[in-house]
Amino acid sequence: MGKRVTPVAKAVKQKMKYDLKDYCEMRGLSLSSFYKGYISKKAKKVLEKDGIKVA
């Protein structure tokens, strides 16, 4: 069986202790794009810098 993928919102909550809305607001990221399933290059770079793995 493969490795389980953690949803971005759950990963942010575990690592940063903020919910996704507050995290996006603090980092200047688009919340609606996360809801639609799109992660931009900028968002990916910010998430990885904070220690959150994204595909």
PDB file of N, CA and C in Angstrom:
ATOM      1  N   MET A   1       0.837  -1.187   0.000  1.00  0.00           N
ATOM      2  CA  MET A   1       0.000   0.000   0.000  1.00  0.00           C
ATOM      3  C   MET A   1       0.875   1.240   0.000  1.00  0.00           C
ATOM      4  N   GLY A   2       0.373   2.308  -0.595  1.00  0.00           N
ATOM      5  CA  GLY A   2       1.131   3.546  -0.706  1.00  0.00           C
ATOM      6  C   GLY A   2       1.070   4.383   0.561  1.00  0.00           C
ATOM      7  N   LYS A   3       1.835   5.444   0.522  1.00  0.00           N
ATOM      8  CA  LYS A   3       1.875   6.371   1.648  1.00  0.00           C
ATOM      9  C   LYS A   3       0.629   7.260   1.622  1.00  0.00           C
ATOM     10  N   ARG A   4       0.057   7.484   2.788  1.00  0.00           N
ATOM     11  CA  ARG A   4      -1.135   8.335   2.874  1.00  0.00           C
ATOM     12  C   ARG A   4      -0.751   9.789   2.655  1.00  0.00           C
ATOM     13  N   VAL A   5      -1.594  10.495   1.950  1.00  0.00           N
ATOM     14  CA  VAL A   5      -1.375  11.903   1.676  1.00  0.00           C
ATOM     15  C   VAL A   5      -2.188  12.717   2.676  1.00  0.00           C
ATOM     16  N   THR A   6      -1.537  13.661   3.328  1.00  0.00           N
ATOM     17  CA  THR A   6      -2.214  14.523   4.290  1.00  0.00           C
ATOM     18  C   THR A   6      -2.757  15.747   3.560  1.00  0.00           C
ATOM     19  N   PRO A   7      -4.033  16.081   3.745  1.00  0.00           N
ATOM     20  CA  PRO A   7      -4.567  17.297   3.128  1.00  0.00           C
ATOM     21  C   PRO A   7      -3.795  18.532   3.597  1.00  0.00           C
ATOM     22  N   VAL A   8      -3.710  19.523   2.731  1.00  0.00           N
ATOM     23  CA  VAL A   8      -2.931  20.724   3.031  1.00  0.00           C
ATOM     24  C   VAL A   8      -3.442  21.399   4.301  1.00  0.00           C
ATOM     25  N   ALA A   9      -4.757  21.506   4.452  1.00  0.00           N
ATOM     26  CA  ALA A   9      -5.322  22.176   5.625  1.00  0.00           C
ATOM     27  C   ALA A   9      -4.907  21.478   6.917  1.00  0.00           C
ATOM     28  N   LYS A  10      -4.936  20.159   6.906  1.00  0.00           N
ATOM     29  CA  LYS A  10      -4.567  19.394   8.095  1.00  0.00           C
ATOM     30  C   LYS A  10      -3.069  19.523   8.381  1.00  0.00           C
ATOM     31  N   ALA A  11      -2.256  19.507   7.333  1.00  0.00           N
ATOM     32  CA  ALA A  11      -0.810  19.635   7.497  1.00  0.00           C
ATOM     33  C   ALA A  11      -0.444  21.002   8.065  1.00  0.00           C
ATOM     34  N   VAL A  12      -1.112  22.052   7.581  1.00  0.00           N
ATOM     35  CA  VAL A  12      -0.862  23.408   8.085  1.00  0.00           C
ATOM     36  C   VAL A  12      -1.251  23.491   9.554  1.00  0.00           C
ATOM     37  N   LYS A  13      -2.390  22.909   9.901  1.00  0.00           N
ATOM     38  CA  LYS A  13      -2.872  22.941  11.290  1.00  0.00           C
ATOM     39  C   LYS A  13      -1.892  22.227  12.221  1.00  0.00           C
ATOM     40  N   GLN A  14      -1.349  21.085  11.791  1.00  0.00           N
ATOM     41  CA  GLN A  14      -0.425  20.324  12.630  1.00  0.00           C
ATOM     42  C   GLN A  14       0.912  21.038  12.791  1.00  0.00           C
ATOM     43  N   LYS A  15       1.445  21.580  11.699  1.00  0.00           N
ATOM     44  CA  LYS A  15       2.773  22.196  11.732  1.00  0.00           C
ATOM     45  C   LYS A  15       2.764  23.593  12.337  1.00  0.00           C
ATOM     46  N   MET A  16       1.789  24.405  11.946  1.00  0.00           N
ATOM     47  CA  MET A  16       1.818  25.826  12.280  1.00  0.00           C
ATOM     48  C   MET A  16       0.831  26.239  13.367  1.00  0.00           C
ATOM     49  N   LYS A  17      -0.089  25.363  13.744  1.00  0.00           N
ATOM     50  CA  LYS A  17      -1.103  25.658  14.763  1.00  0.00           C
ATOM     51  C   LYS A  17      -2.061  26.779  14.347  1.00  0.00           C
ATOM     52  N   TYR A  18      -2.180  27.012  13.045  1.00  0.00           N
ATOM     53  CA  TYR A  18      -3.143  27.973  12.509  1.00  0.00           C
ATOM     54  C   TYR A  18      -4.069  27.227  11.566  1.00  0.00           C
ATOM     55  N   ASP A  19      -5.292  27.742  11.394  1.00  0.00           N
ATOM     56  CA  ASP A  19      -6.132  27.136  10.375  1.00  0.00           C
ATOM     57  C   ASP A  19      -5.718  27.690   9.008  1.00  0.00           C
ATOM     58  N   LEU A  20      -6.199  27.067   7.958  1.00  0.00           N
ATOM     59  CA  LEU A  20      -5.747  27.394   6.607  1.00  0.00           C
ATOM     60  C   LEU A  20      -6.045  28.844   6.240  1.00  0.00           C
ATOM     61  N   LYS A  21      -7.195  29.353   6.667  1.00  0.00           N
ATOM     62  CA  LYS A  21      -7.568  30.733   6.343  1.00  0.00           C
ATOM     63  C   LYS A  21      -6.572  31.723   6.942  1.00  0.00           C
ATOM     64  N   ASP A  22      -6.246  31.567   8.223  1.00  0.00           N
ATOM     65  CA  ASP A  22      -5.296  32.469   8.873  1.00  0.00           C
ATOM     66  C   ASP A  22      -3.902  32.338   8.279  1.00  0.00           C
ATOM     67  N   TYR A  23      -3.501  31.113   7.964  1.00  0.00           N
ATOM     68  CA  TYR A  23      -2.184  30.871   7.385  1.00  0.00           C
ATOM     69  C   TYR A  23      -2.052  31.583   6.035  1.00  0.00           C
ATOM     70  N   CYS A  24      -3.066  31.450   5.195  1.00  0.00           N
ATOM     71  CA  CYS A  24      -3.039  32.100   3.886  1.00  0.00           C
ATOM     72  C   CYS A  24      -3.014  33.619   4.027  1.00  0.00           C
ATOM     73  N   GLU A  25      -3.747  34.132   4.993  1.00  0.00           N
ATOM     74  CA  GLU A  25      -3.778  35.570   5.231  1.00  0.00           C
ATOM     75  C   GLU A  25      -2.407  36.082   5.670  1.00  0.00           C
ATOM     76  N   MET A  26      -1.751  35.353   6.573  1.00  0.00           N
ATOM     77  CA  MET A  26      -0.431  35.763   7.068  1.00  0.00           C
ATOM     78  C   MET A  26       0.633  35.691   5.978  1.00  0.00           C
ATOM     79  N   ARG A  27       0.557  34.681   5.131  1.00  0.00           N
ATOM     80  CA  ARG A  27       1.589  34.443   4.117  1.00  0.00           C
ATOM     81  C   ARG A  27       1.279  35.088   2.768  1.00  0.00           C
ATOM     82  N   GLY A  28       0.093  35.673   2.639  1.00  0.00           N
ATOM     83  CA  GLY A  28      -0.268  36.323   1.383  1.00  0.00           C
ATOM     84  C   GLY A  28      -0.596  35.348   0.269  1.00  0.00           C
ATOM     85  N   LEU A  29      -1.199  34.216   0.625  1.00  0.00           N
ATOM     86  CA  LEU A  29      -1.554  33.194  -0.356  1.00  0.00           C
ATOM     87  C   LEU A  29      -3.052  33.229  -0.632  1.00  0.00           C
ATOM     88  N   SER A  30      -3.448  32.642  -1.755  1.00  0.00           N
ATOM     89  CA  SER A  30      -4.852  32.617  -2.149  1.00  0.00           C
ATOM     90  C   SER A  30      -5.569  31.426  -1.519  1.00  0.00           C
ATOM     91  N   LEU A  31      -6.515  31.715  -0.663  1.00  0.00           N
ATOM     92  CA  LEU A  31      -7.281  30.661  -0.003  1.00  0.00           C
ATOM     93  C   LEU A  31      -8.188  29.935  -0.996  1.00  0.00           C
ATOM     94  N   SER A  32      -8.800  30.684  -1.901  1.00  0.00           N
ATOM     95  CA  SER A  32      -9.732  30.062  -2.851  1.00  0.00           C
ATOM     96  C   SER A  32      -9.031  29.067  -3.768  1.00  0.00           C
ATOM     97  N   SER A  33      -7.772  29.322  -4.113  1.00  0.00           N
ATOM     98  CA  SER A  33      -7.060  28.365  -4.970  1.00  0.00           C
ATOM     99  C   SER A  33      -6.804  27.057  -4.229  1.00  0.00           C
ATOM    100  N   PHE A  34      -6.538  27.134  -2.921  1.00  0.00           N
ATOM    101  CA  PHE A  34      -6.374  25.911  -2.130  1.00  0.00           C
ATOM    102  C   PHE A  34      -7.675  25.116  -2.107  1.00  0.00           C
ATOM    103  N   TYR A  35      -8.803  25.814  -1.948  1.00  0.00           N
ATOM    104  CA  TYR A  35     -10.097  25.141  -1.928  1.00  0.00           C
ATOM    105  C   TYR A  35     -10.386  24.455  -3.262  1.00  0.00           C
ATOM    106  N   LYS A  36      -9.913  25.061  -4.353  1.00  0.00           N
ATOM    107  CA  LYS A  36     -10.132  24.485  -5.683  1.00  0.00           C
ATOM    108  C   LYS A  36      -9.121  23.397  -6.014  1.00  0.00           C
ATOM    109  N   GLY A  37      -8.104  23.251  -5.175  1.00  0.00           N
ATOM    110  CA  GLY A  37      -7.119  22.193  -5.387  1.00  0.00           C
ATOM    111  C   GLY A  37      -5.889  22.628  -6.147  1.00  0.00           C
ATOM    112  N   TYR A  38      -5.734  23.930  -6.376  1.00  0.00           N
ATOM    113  CA  TYR A  38      -4.581  24.436  -7.116  1.00  0.00           C
ATOM    114  C   TYR A  38      -3.549  24.997  -6.143  1.00  0.00           C
ATOM    115  N   ILE A  39      -2.293  24.597  -6.329  1.00  0.00           N
ATOM    116  CA  ILE A  39      -1.206  25.133  -5.507  1.00  0.00           C
ATOM    117  C   ILE A  39      -0.195  25.775  -6.447  1.00  0.00           C
ATOM    118  N   SER A  40      -0.044  27.092  -6.351  1.00  0.00           N
ATOM    119  CA  SER A  40       0.865  27.816  -7.232  1.00  0.00           C
ATOM    120  C   SER A  40       2.316  27.564  -6.835  1.00  0.00           C
ATOM    121  N   LYS A  41       3.238  27.993  -7.699  1.00  0.00           N
ATOM    122  CA  LYS A  41       4.666  27.842  -7.400  1.00  0.00           C
ATOM    123  C   LYS A  41       5.030  28.621  -6.141  1.00  0.00           C
ATOM    124  N   LYS A  42       4.464  29.825  -6.008  1.00  0.00           N
ATOM    125  CA  LYS A  42       4.729  30.654  -4.832  1.00  0.00           C
ATOM    126  C   LYS A  42       4.229  29.966  -3.564  1.00  0.00           C
ATOM    127  N   ALA A  43       3.014  29.431  -3.627  1.00  0.00           N
ATOM    128  CA  ALA A  43       2.432  28.758  -2.466  1.00  0.00           C
ATOM    129  C   ALA A  43       3.241  27.522  -2.101  1.00  0.00           C
ATOM    130  N   LYS A  44       3.672  26.775  -3.109  1.00  0.00           N
ATOM    131  CA  LYS A  44       4.474  25.575  -2.866  1.00  0.00           C
ATOM    132  C   LYS A  44       5.786  25.931  -2.179  1.00  0.00           C
ATOM    133  N   LYS A  45       6.410  27.015  -2.636  1.00  0.00           N
ATOM    134  CA  LYS A  45       7.679  27.453  -2.051  1.00  0.00           C
ATOM    135  C   LYS A  45       7.490  27.863  -0.588  1.00  0.00           C
ATOM    136  N   VAL A  46       6.414  28.591  -0.299  1.00  0.00           N
ATOM    137  CA  VAL A  46       6.127  29.037   1.066  1.00  0.00           C
ATOM    138  C   VAL A  46       5.831  27.845   1.972  1.00  0.00           C
ATOM    139  N   LEU A  47       5.027  26.905   1.487  1.00  0.00           N
ATOM    140  CA  LEU A  47       4.679  25.725   2.276  1.00  0.00           C
ATOM    141  C   LEU A  47       5.914  24.881   2.580  1.00  0.00           C
ATOM    142  N   GLU A  48       6.757  24.665   1.579  1.00  0.00           N
ATOM    143  CA  GLU A  48       7.953  23.853   1.788  1.00  0.00           C
ATOM    144  C   GLU A  48       8.943  24.544   2.719  1.00  0.00           C
ATOM    145  N   LYS A  49       8.999  25.872   2.669  1.00  0.00           N
ATOM    146  CA  LYS A  49       9.867  26.619   3.581  1.00  0.00           C
ATOM    147  C   LYS A  49       9.419  26.436   5.032  1.00  0.00           C
ATOM    148  N   ASP A  50       8.115  26.269   5.225  1.00  0.00           N
ATOM    149  CA  ASP A  50       7.563  26.060   6.563  1.00  0.00           C
ATOM    150  C   ASP A  50       7.554  24.590   6.970  1.00  0.00           C
ATOM    151  N   GLY A  51       8.077  23.720   6.111  1.00  0.00           N
ATOM    152  CA  GLY A  51       8.187  22.306   6.454  1.00  0.00           C
ATOM    153  C   GLY A  51       6.964  21.474   6.130  1.00  0.00           C
ATOM    154  N   ILE A  52       6.122  21.965   5.218  1.00  0.00           N
ATOM    155  CA  ILE A  52       4.920  21.239   4.823  1.00  0.00           C
ATOM    156  C   ILE A  52       5.145  20.685   3.424  1.00  0.00           C
ATOM    157  N   LYS A  53       5.096  19.368   3.292  1.00  0.00           N
ATOM    158  CA  LYS A  53       5.347  18.727   2.000  1.00  0.00           C
ATOM    159  C   LYS A  53       4.111  18.814   1.121  1.00  0.00           C
ATOM    160  N   VAL A  54       4.333  19.180  -0.138  1.00  0.00           N
ATOM    161  CA  VAL A  54       3.254  19.209  -1.124  1.00  0.00           C
ATOM    162  C   VAL A  54       3.699  18.444  -2.364  1.00  0.00           C
ATOM    163  N   ALA A  55       2.721  17.943  -3.110  1.00  0.00           N
ATOM    164  CA  ALA A  55       3.035  17.129  -4.295  1.00  0.00           C
ATOM    165  C   ALA A  55       3.614  17.960  -5.414  1.00  0.00           C
TER     166      ALA A  55
END
